[in-house]
């Protein structure tokens, strides 16, 4: 993991003083039991989960309680719009 360290105290106080603010972070190979894979994170944090099996991916994504957004990155450009139609999320 790169980034993800807590923001130091800043002038003016606020949430950063309590350690709840993080600089932008990219988390790769996120396991499905990790909080960022199961809950929405509001901020500049992206968790990347990879799959080789489409059916497994769809089942896992559609089992998440929240699902406000999702992104699809693939080399198969025909698969992307089809998969986007099968993922239950508010915005893809």
PDB file of N, CA and C in Angstrom:
ATOM      1  N   UNK A   1       0.845  -1.168   0.000  1.00  0.00           N
ATOM      2  CA  UNK A   1       0.000   0.000   0.000  1.00  0.00           C
ATOM      3  C   UNK A   1       0.892   1.233   0.000  1.00  0.00           C
ATOM      4  N   UNK A   2       0.540   2.181  -0.808  1.00  0.00           N
ATOM      5  CA  UNK A   2       1.214   3.475  -0.802  1.00  0.00           C
ATOM      6  C   UNK A   2       0.208   4.501  -0.330  1.00  0.00           C
ATOM      7  N   UNK A   3       0.675   5.502   0.353  1.00  0.00           N
ATOM      8  CA  UNK A   3      -0.243   6.492   0.897  1.00  0.00           C
ATOM      9  C   UNK A   3      -0.967   5.907   2.089  1.00  0.00           C
ATOM     10  N   UNK A   4      -2.090   6.489   2.430  1.00  0.00           N
ATOM     11  CA  UNK A   4      -2.912   5.957   3.490  1.00  0.00           C
ATOM     12  C   UNK A   4      -2.496   6.335   4.896  1.00  0.00           C
ATOM     13  N   UNK A   5      -1.433   7.143   5.029  1.00  0.00           N
ATOM     14  CA  UNK A   5      -1.040   7.563   6.367  1.00  0.00           C
ATOM     15  C   UNK A   5      -1.967   8.678   6.828  1.00  0.00           C
ATOM     16  N   UNK A   6      -2.143   8.788   8.124  1.00  0.00           N
ATOM     17  CA  UNK A   6      -3.030   9.822   8.649  1.00  0.00           C
ATOM     18  C   UNK A   6      -2.447  11.208   8.417  1.00  0.00           C
ATOM     19  N   UNK A   7      -3.317  12.154   8.158  1.00  0.00           N
ATOM     20  CA  UNK A   7      -2.915  13.542   7.951  1.00  0.00           C
ATOM     21  C   UNK A   7      -2.543  14.127   9.305  1.00  0.00           C
ATOM     22  N   UNK A   8      -1.434  14.832   9.313  1.00  0.00           N
ATOM     23  CA  UNK A   8      -0.998  15.487  10.551  1.00  0.00           C
ATOM     24  C   UNK A   8      -1.972  16.592  10.917  1.00  0.00           C
ATOM     25  N   UNK A   9      -1.867  17.067  12.117  1.00  0.00           N
ATOM     26  CA  UNK A   9      -2.725  18.172  12.580  1.00  0.00           C
ATOM     27  C   UNK A   9      -2.579  19.355  11.638  1.00  0.00           C
ATOM     28  N   UNK A  10      -3.640  20.062  11.463  1.00  0.00           N
ATOM     29  CA  UNK A  10      -3.600  21.233  10.595  1.00  0.00           C
ATOM     30  C   UNK A  10      -4.216  22.417  11.298  1.00  0.00           C
ATOM     31  N   UNK A  11      -3.917  23.596  10.799  1.00  0.00           N
ATOM     32  CA  UNK A  11      -4.478  24.811  11.389  1.00  0.00           C
ATOM     33  C   UNK A  11      -5.991  24.804  11.236  1.00  0.00           C
ATOM     34  N   UNK A  12      -6.675  25.258  12.219  1.00  0.00           N
ATOM     35  CA  UNK A  12      -8.120  25.385  12.132  1.00  0.00           C
ATOM     36  C   UNK A  12      -8.876  24.237  12.773  1.00  0.00           C
ATOM     37  N   UNK A  13      -8.179  23.176  13.136  1.00  0.00           N
ATOM     38  CA  UNK A  13      -8.857  22.054  13.780  1.00  0.00           C
ATOM     39  C   UNK A  13      -9.730  21.295  12.808  1.00  0.00           C
ATOM     40  N   UNK A  14     -10.549  20.451  13.325  1.00  0.00           N
ATOM     41  CA  UNK A  14     -11.465  19.686  12.489  1.00  0.00           C
ATOM     42  C   UNK A  14     -11.147  18.205  12.528  1.00  0.00           C
ATOM     43  N   UNK A  15     -11.732  17.455  11.592  1.00  0.00           N
ATOM     44  CA  UNK A  15     -11.608  15.991  11.583  1.00  0.00           C
ATOM     45  C   UNK A  15     -10.163  15.530  11.460  1.00  0.00           C
ATOM     46  N   UNK A  16      -9.317  16.297  10.765  1.00  0.00           N
ATOM     47  CA  UNK A  16      -7.924  15.901  10.604  1.00  0.00           C
ATOM     48  C   UNK A  16      -7.182  15.804  11.922  1.00  0.00           C
ATOM     49  N   UNK A  17      -7.623  16.580  12.903  1.00  0.00           N
ATOM     50  CA  UNK A  17      -7.002  16.535  14.226  1.00  0.00           C
ATOM     51  C   UNK A  17      -7.222  15.189  14.900  1.00  0.00           C
ATOM     52  N   UNK A  18      -8.280  14.514  14.556  1.00  0.00           N
ATOM     53  CA  UNK A  18      -8.594  13.234  15.184  1.00  0.00           C
ATOM     54  C   UNK A  18      -8.053  12.058  14.372  1.00  0.00           C
ATOM     55  N   UNK A  19      -7.371  12.332  13.275  1.00  0.00           N
ATOM     56  CA  UNK A  19      -6.778  11.256  12.493  1.00  0.00           C
ATOM     57  C   UNK A  19      -7.728  10.555  11.549  1.00  0.00           C
ATOM     58  N   UNK A  20      -8.856  11.186  11.205  1.00  0.00           N
ATOM     59  CA  UNK A  20      -9.821  10.554  10.317  1.00  0.00           C
ATOM     60  C   UNK A  20      -9.610  10.910   8.855  1.00  0.00           C
ATOM     61  N   UNK A  21      -8.666  11.768   8.560  1.00  0.00           N
ATOM     62  CA  UNK A  21      -8.432  12.198   7.189  1.00  0.00           C
ATOM     63  C   UNK A  21      -7.173  11.531   6.645  1.00  0.00           C
ATOM     64  N   UNK A  22      -7.243  11.091   5.408  1.00  0.00           N
ATOM     65  CA  UNK A  22      -6.127  10.434   4.755  1.00  0.00           C
ATOM     66  C   UNK A  22      -5.861  11.130   3.428  1.00  0.00           C
ATOM     67  N   UNK A  23      -4.601  11.200   3.006  1.00  0.00           N
ATOM     68  CA  UNK A  23      -4.326  11.725   1.664  1.00  0.00           C
ATOM     69  C   UNK A  23      -4.783  10.681   0.640  1.00  0.00           C
ATOM     70  N   UNK A  24      -4.840  11.028  -0.640  1.00  0.00           N
ATOM     71  CA  UNK A  24      -5.268  10.059  -1.648  1.00  0.00           C
ATOM     72  C   UNK A  24      -4.487   8.746  -1.531  1.00  0.00           C
ATOM     73  N   UNK A  25      -5.216   7.627  -1.669  1.00  0.00           N
ATOM     74  CA  UNK A  25      -4.578   6.323  -1.518  1.00  0.00           C
ATOM     75  C   UNK A  25      -5.179   5.334  -2.511  1.00  0.00           C
ATOM     76  N   UNK A  26      -4.351   4.450  -3.056  1.00  0.00           N
ATOM     77  CA  UNK A  26      -4.762   3.364  -3.938  1.00  0.00           C
ATOM     78  C   UNK A  26      -4.373   2.057  -3.269  1.00  0.00           C
ATOM     79  N   UNK A  27      -5.365   1.218  -3.011  1.00  0.00           N
ATOM     80  CA  UNK A  27      -5.117  -0.075  -2.378  1.00  0.00           C
ATOM     81  C   UNK A  27      -5.333  -1.153  -3.432  1.00  0.00           C
ATOM     82  N   UNK A  28      -4.304  -1.923  -3.714  1.00  0.00           N
ATOM     83  CA  UNK A  28      -4.353  -2.954  -4.748  1.00  0.00           C
ATOM     84  C   UNK A  28      -4.498  -4.323  -4.099  1.00  0.00           C
ATOM     85  N   UNK A  29      -5.136  -5.237  -4.829  1.00  0.00           N
ATOM     86  CA  UNK A  29      -5.355  -6.617  -4.372  1.00  0.00           C
ATOM     87  C   UNK A  29      -6.112  -6.649  -3.044  1.00  0.00           C
ATOM     88  N   UNK A  30      -7.182  -5.888  -2.977  1.00  0.00           N
ATOM     89  CA  UNK A  30      -7.989  -5.804  -1.764  1.00  0.00           C
ATOM     90  C   UNK A  30      -8.760  -7.112  -1.582  1.00  0.00           C
ATOM     91  N   UNK A  31      -8.622  -7.768  -0.419  1.00  0.00           N
ATOM     92  CA  UNK A  31      -9.415  -8.979  -0.171  1.00  0.00           C
ATOM     93  C   UNK A  31     -10.874  -8.609   0.112  1.00  0.00           C
ATOM     94  N   UNK A  32     -11.798  -9.504  -0.202  1.00  0.00           N
ATOM     95  CA  UNK A  32     -13.222  -9.213  -0.062  1.00  0.00           C
ATOM     96  C   UNK A  32     -13.660  -9.002   1.381  1.00  0.00           C
ATOM     97  N   UNK A  33     -12.887  -9.469   2.354  1.00  0.00           N
ATOM     98  CA  UNK A  33     -13.281  -9.264   3.749  1.00  0.00           C
ATOM     99  C   UNK A  33     -12.730  -7.961   4.327  1.00  0.00           C
ATOM    100  N   UNK A  34     -11.990  -7.203   3.545  1.00  0.00           N
ATOM    101  CA  UNK A  34     -11.457  -5.927   4.003  1.00  0.00           C
ATOM    102  C   UNK A  34     -12.582  -4.880   3.998  1.00  0.00           C
ATOM    103  N   UNK A  35     -12.573  -3.985   4.966  1.00  0.00           N
ATOM    104  CA  UNK A  35     -13.636  -2.984   5.101  1.00  0.00           C
ATOM    105  C   UNK A  35     -13.844  -2.195   3.816  1.00  0.00           C
ATOM    106  N   UNK A  36     -12.791  -1.793   3.152  1.00  0.00           N
ATOM    107  CA  UNK A  36     -12.953  -0.981   1.936  1.00  0.00           C
ATOM    108  C   UNK A  36     -13.664  -1.756   0.820  1.00  0.00           C
ATOM    109  N   UNK A  37     -13.655  -3.079   0.879  1.00  0.00           N
ATOM    110  CA  UNK A  37     -14.354  -3.889  -0.116  1.00  0.00           C
ATOM    111  C   UNK A  37     -15.829  -4.056   0.228  1.00  0.00           C
ATOM    112  N   UNK A  38     -16.210  -3.830   1.474  1.00  0.00           N
ATOM    113  CA  UNK A  38     -17.571  -4.083   1.940  1.00  0.00           C
ATOM    114  C   UNK A  38     -18.375  -2.818   2.239  1.00  0.00           C
ATOM    115  N   UNK A  39     -17.688  -1.693   2.460  1.00  0.00           N
ATOM    116  CA  UNK A  39     -18.371  -0.462   2.847  1.00  0.00           C
ATOM    117  C   UNK A  39     -17.902   0.699   1.976  1.00  0.00           C
ATOM    118  N   UNK A  40     -18.755   1.709   1.866  1.00  0.00           N
ATOM    119  CA  UNK A  40     -18.403   2.886   1.090  1.00  0.00           C
ATOM    120  C   UNK A  40     -17.382   3.723   1.859  1.00  0.00           C
ATOM    121  N   UNK A  41     -16.385   4.194   1.174  1.00  0.00           N
ATOM    122  CA  UNK A  41     -15.385   5.082   1.751  1.00  0.00           C
ATOM    123  C   UNK A  41     -15.531   6.420   1.050  1.00  0.00           C
ATOM    124  N   UNK A  42     -15.729   7.467   1.820  1.00  0.00           N
ATOM    125  CA  UNK A  42     -15.905   8.791   1.245  1.00  0.00           C
ATOM    126  C   UNK A  42     -14.576   9.531   1.330  1.00  0.00           C
ATOM    127  N   UNK A  43     -13.949   9.671   0.213  1.00  0.00           N
ATOM    128  CA  UNK A  43     -12.661  10.331   0.141  1.00  0.00           C
ATOM    129  C   UNK A  43     -11.912   9.836  -1.075  1.00  0.00           C
ATOM    130  N   UNK A  44     -10.687  10.235  -1.175  1.00  0.00           N
ATOM    131  CA  UNK A  44      -9.853   9.890  -2.323  1.00  0.00           C
ATOM    132  C   UNK A  44      -9.132   8.569  -2.072  1.00  0.00           C
ATOM    133  N   UNK A  45      -9.924   7.509  -1.908  1.00  0.00           N
ATOM    134  CA  UNK A  45      -9.394   6.177  -1.643  1.00  0.00           C
ATOM    135  C   UNK A  45     -10.033   5.231  -2.650  1.00  0.00           C
ATOM    136  N   UNK A  46      -9.206   4.430  -3.313  1.00  0.00           N
ATOM    137  CA  UNK A  46      -9.705   3.473  -4.294  1.00  0.00           C
ATOM    138  C   UNK A  46      -9.166   2.095  -3.956  1.00  0.00           C
ATOM    139  N   UNK A  47     -10.060   1.132  -3.844  1.00  0.00           N
ATOM    140  CA  UNK A  47      -9.659  -0.254  -3.623  1.00  0.00           C
ATOM    141  C   UNK A  47      -9.816  -1.032  -4.919  1.00  0.00           C
ATOM    142  N   UNK A  48      -8.797  -1.768  -5.307  1.00  0.00           N
ATOM    143  CA  UNK A  48      -8.805  -2.538  -6.548  1.00  0.00           C
ATOM    144  C   UNK A  48      -8.936  -4.014  -6.202  1.00  0.00           C
ATOM    145  N   UNK A  49      -9.944  -4.657  -6.809  1.00  0.00           N
ATOM    146  CA  UNK A  49     -10.181  -6.089  -6.624  1.00  0.00           C
ATOM    147  C   UNK A  49     -10.169  -6.713  -8.018  1.00  0.00           C
ATOM    148  N   UNK A  50      -9.381  -7.743  -8.204  1.00  0.00           N
ATOM    149  CA  UNK A  50      -9.286  -8.373  -9.518  1.00  0.00           C
ATOM    150  C   UNK A  50      -9.917  -9.750  -9.548  1.00  0.00           C
ATOM    151  N   UNK A  51     -10.443 -10.121 -10.704  1.00  0.00           N
ATOM    152  CA  UNK A  51     -11.031 -11.432 -10.915  1.00  0.00           C
ATOM    153  C   UNK A  51     -10.640 -11.980 -12.270  1.00  0.00           C
ATOM    154  N   UNK A  52     -10.646 -13.299 -12.363  1.00  0.00           N
ATOM    155  CA  UNK A  52     -10.488 -13.978 -13.644  1.00  0.00           C
ATOM    156  C   UNK A  52     -11.819 -14.573 -14.100  1.00  0.00           C
ATOM    157  N   UNK A  53     -12.764 -14.735 -13.186  1.00  0.00           N
ATOM    158  CA  UNK A  53     -14.041 -15.384 -13.467  1.00  0.00           C
ATOM    159  C   UNK A  53     -15.178 -14.358 -13.360  1.00  0.00           C
ATOM    160  N   UNK A  54     -15.875 -14.115 -14.476  1.00  0.00           N
ATOM    161  CA  UNK A  54     -16.934 -13.105 -14.489  1.00  0.00           C
ATOM    162  C   UNK A  54     -18.075 -13.436 -13.539  1.00  0.00           C
ATOM    163  N   UNK A  55     -18.506 -14.685 -13.505  1.00  0.00           N
ATOM    164  CA  UNK A  55     -19.622 -15.074 -12.639  1.00  0.00           C
ATOM    165  C   UNK A  55     -19.274 -14.850 -11.175  1.00  0.00           C
ATOM    166  N   UNK A  56     -18.055 -15.184 -10.787  1.00  0.00           N
ATOM    167  CA  UNK A  56     -17.596 -14.964  -9.411  1.00  0.00           C
ATOM    168  C   UNK A  56     -17.571 -13.472  -9.095  1.00  0.00           C
ATOM    169  N   UNK A  57     -17.107 -12.661 -10.035  1.00  0.00           N
ATOM    170  CA  UNK A  57     -17.050 -11.220  -9.842  1.00  0.00           C
ATOM    171  C   UNK A  57     -18.450 -10.638  -9.669  1.00  0.00           C
ATOM    172  N   UNK A  58     -19.385 -11.026 -10.540  1.00  0.00           N
ATOM    173  CA  UNK A  58     -20.745 -10.500 -10.447  1.00  0.00           C
ATOM    174  C   UNK A  58     -21.405 -10.895  -9.134  1.00  0.00           C
ATOM    175  N   UNK A  59     -21.223 -12.136  -8.710  1.00  0.00           N
ATOM    176  CA  UNK A  59     -21.812 -12.589  -7.445  1.00  0.00           C
ATOM    177  C   UNK A  59     -21.240 -11.792  -6.276  1.00  0.00           C
ATOM    178  N   UNK A  60     -19.939 -11.572  -6.259  1.00  0.00           N
ATOM    179  CA  UNK A  60     -19.304 -10.831  -5.167  1.00  0.00           C
ATOM    180  C   UNK A  60     -19.745  -9.368  -5.161  1.00  0.00           C
ATOM    181  N   UNK A  61     -19.765  -8.736  -6.326  1.00  0.00           N
ATOM    182  CA  UNK A  61     -20.143  -7.323  -6.396  1.00  0.00           C
ATOM    183  C   UNK A  61     -21.605  -7.118  -6.015  1.00  0.00           C
ATOM    184  N   UNK A  62     -22.475  -7.988  -6.452  1.00  0.00           N
ATOM    185  CA  UNK A  62     -23.896  -7.833  -6.168  1.00  0.00           C
ATOM    186  C   UNK A  62     -24.270  -8.263  -4.752  1.00  0.00           C
ATOM    187  N   UNK A  63     -23.346  -8.889  -4.027  1.00  0.00           N
ATOM    188  CA  UNK A  63     -23.588  -9.280  -2.631  1.00  0.00           C
ATOM    189  C   UNK A  63     -23.236  -8.159  -1.656  1.00  0.00           C
ATOM    190  N   UNK A  64     -22.615  -7.095  -2.145  1.00  0.00           N
ATOM    191  CA  UNK A  64     -22.235  -5.973  -1.281  1.00  0.00           C
ATOM    192  C   UNK A  64     -23.490  -5.177  -0.926  1.00  0.00           C
ATOM    193  N   UNK A  65     -23.624  -4.826   0.351  1.00  0.00           N
ATOM    194  CA  UNK A  65     -24.822  -4.132   0.829  1.00  0.00           C
ATOM    195  C   UNK A  65     -24.992  -2.741   0.252  1.00  0.00           C
ATOM    196  N   UNK A  66     -23.899  -2.046  -0.041  1.00  0.00           N
ATOM    197  CA  UNK A  66     -24.000  -0.657  -0.452  1.00  0.00           C
ATOM    198  C   UNK A  66     -24.013  -0.539  -1.970  1.00  0.00           C
ATOM    199  N   UNK A  67     -22.967  -0.419  -2.644  1.00  0.00           N
ATOM    200  CA  UNK A  67     -22.975  -0.387  -4.102  1.00  0.00           C
ATOM    201  C   UNK A  67     -23.363   0.935  -4.718  1.00  0.00           C
ATOM    202  N   UNK A  68     -22.841   2.027  -4.180  1.00  0.00           N
ATOM    203  CA  UNK A  68     -23.129   3.322  -4.783  1.00  0.00           C
ATOM    204  C   UNK A  68     -22.421   3.475  -6.119  1.00  0.00           C
ATOM    205  N   UNK A  69     -21.164   3.035  -6.200  1.00  0.00           N
ATOM    206  CA  UNK A  69     -20.411   3.150  -7.446  1.00  0.00           C
ATOM    207  C   UNK A  69     -19.596   1.888  -7.697  1.00  0.00           C
ATOM    208  N   UNK A  70     -19.242   1.693  -8.955  1.00  0.00           N
ATOM    209  CA  UNK A  70     -18.356   0.599  -9.359  1.00  0.00           C
ATOM    210  C   UNK A  70     -17.626   1.045 -10.614  1.00  0.00           C
ATOM    211  N   UNK A  71     -16.482   0.460 -10.851  1.00  0.00           N
ATOM    212  CA  UNK A  71     -15.710   0.721 -12.069  1.00  0.00           C
ATOM    213  C   UNK A  71     -15.296  -0.610 -12.658  1.00  0.00           C
ATOM    214  N   UNK A  72     -15.206  -0.657 -13.967  1.00  0.00           N
ATOM    215  CA  UNK A  72     -14.772  -1.870 -14.659  1.00  0.00           C
ATOM    216  C   UNK A  72     -13.557  -1.513 -15.500  1.00  0.00           C
ATOM    217  N   UNK A  73     -12.477  -2.219 -15.283  1.00  0.00           N
ATOM    218  CA  UNK A  73     -11.272  -2.070 -16.101  1.00  0.00           C
ATOM    219  C   UNK A  73     -10.992  -3.418 -16.731  1.00  0.00           C
ATOM    220  N   UNK A  74     -10.978  -3.475 -18.060  1.00  0.00           N
ATOM    221  CA  UNK A  74     -10.806  -4.748 -18.753  1.00  0.00           C
ATOM    222  C   UNK A  74     -10.158  -4.536 -20.109  1.00  0.00           C
ATOM    223  N   UNK A  75      -9.522  -5.574 -20.592  1.00  0.00           N
ATOM    224  CA  UNK A  75      -8.989  -5.553 -21.960  1.00  0.00           C
ATOM    225  C   UNK A  75     -10.077  -5.946 -22.963  1.00  0.00           C
ATOM    226  N   UNK A  76     -11.163  -6.536 -22.480  1.00  0.00           N
ATOM    227  CA  UNK A  76     -12.262  -7.002 -23.328  1.00  0.00           C
ATOM    228  C   UNK A  76     -13.323  -5.908 -23.419  1.00  0.00           C
ATOM    229  N   UNK A  77     -13.224  -5.062 -24.431  1.00  0.00           N
ATOM    230  CA  UNK A  77     -14.125  -3.920 -24.550  1.00  0.00           C
ATOM    231  C   UNK A  77     -15.573  -4.322 -24.786  1.00  0.00           C
ATOM    232  N   UNK A  78     -15.830  -5.501 -25.305  1.00  0.00           N
ATOM    233  CA  UNK A  78     -17.208  -5.976 -25.479  1.00  0.00           C
ATOM    234  C   UNK A  78     -17.807  -6.389 -24.135  1.00  0.00           C
ATOM    235  N   UNK A  79     -16.973  -6.853 -23.219  1.00  0.00           N
ATOM    236  CA  UNK A  79     -17.468  -7.316 -21.917  1.00  0.00           C
ATOM    237  C   UNK A  79     -17.870  -6.155 -21.014  1.00  0.00           C
ATOM    238  N   UNK A  80     -17.193  -5.023 -21.116  1.00  0.00           N
ATOM    239  CA  UNK A  80     -17.424  -3.915 -20.183  1.00  0.00           C
ATOM    240  C   UNK A  80     -18.881  -3.452 -20.150  1.00  0.00           C
ATOM    241  N   UNK A  81     -19.523  -3.127 -21.270  1.00  0.00           N
ATOM    242  CA  UNK A  81     -20.914  -2.666 -21.179  1.00  0.00           C
ATOM    243  C   UNK A  81     -21.873  -3.770 -20.735  1.00  0.00           C
ATOM    244  N   UNK A  82     -21.586  -5.000 -21.102  1.00  0.00           N
ATOM    245  CA  UNK A  82     -22.427  -6.119 -20.678  1.00  0.00           C
ATOM    246  C   UNK A  82     -22.344  -6.295 -19.162  1.00  0.00           C
ATOM    247  N   UNK A  83     -21.132  -6.274 -18.624  1.00  0.00           N
ATOM    248  CA  UNK A  83     -20.945  -6.422 -17.177  1.00  0.00           C
ATOM    249  C   UNK A  83     -21.541  -5.233 -16.423  1.00  0.00           C
ATOM    250  N   UNK A  84     -21.399  -4.037 -16.983  1.00  0.00           N
ATOM    251  CA  UNK A  84     -21.954  -2.847 -16.342  1.00  0.00           C
ATOM    252  C   UNK A  84     -23.462  -2.976 -16.176  1.00  0.00           C
ATOM    253  N   UNK A  85     -24.109  -3.630 -17.116  1.00  0.00           N
ATOM    254  CA  UNK A  85     -25.554  -3.848 -17.024  1.00  0.00           C
ATOM    255  C   UNK A  85     -25.948  -4.905 -15.997  1.00  0.00           C
ATOM    256  N   UNK A  86     -25.008  -5.716 -15.570  1.00  0.00           N
ATOM    257  CA  UNK A  86     -25.298  -6.795 -14.627  1.00  0.00           C
ATOM    258  C   UNK A  86     -24.880  -6.475 -13.196  1.00  0.00           C
ATOM    259  N   UNK A  87     -24.068  -5.436 -13.006  1.00  0.00           N
ATOM    260  CA  UNK A  87     -23.658  -5.039 -11.655  1.00  0.00           C
ATOM    261  C   UNK A  87     -24.719  -4.122 -11.066  1.00  0.00           C
ATOM    262  N   UNK A  88     -25.140  -4.429  -9.841  1.00  0.00           N
ATOM    263  CA  UNK A  88     -26.156  -3.640  -9.161  1.00  0.00           C
ATOM    264  C   UNK A  88     -25.492  -2.502  -8.389  1.00  0.00           C
ATOM    265  N   UNK A  89     -25.324  -1.375  -9.051  1.00  0.00           N
ATOM    266  CA  UNK A  89     -24.709  -0.198  -8.438  1.00  0.00           C
ATOM    267  C   UNK A  89     -25.399   1.037  -8.984  1.00  0.00           C
ATOM    268  N   UNK A  90     -25.353   2.099  -8.215  1.00  0.00           N
ATOM    269  CA  UNK A  90     -26.005   3.331  -8.632  1.00  0.00           C
ATOM    270  C   UNK A  90     -25.309   4.013  -9.786  1.00  0.00           C
ATOM    271  N   UNK A  91     -23.989   3.878  -9.869  1.00  0.00           N
ATOM    272  CA  UNK A  91     -23.212   4.559 -10.901  1.00  0.00           C
ATOM    273  C   UNK A  91     -22.028   3.681 -11.264  1.00  0.00           C
ATOM    274  N   UNK A  92     -21.883   3.442 -12.562  1.00  0.00           N
ATOM    275  CA  UNK A  92     -20.744   2.627 -13.030  1.00  0.00           C
ATOM    276  C   UNK A  92     -20.000   3.422 -14.082  1.00  0.00           C
TER     277      UNK A  92
END
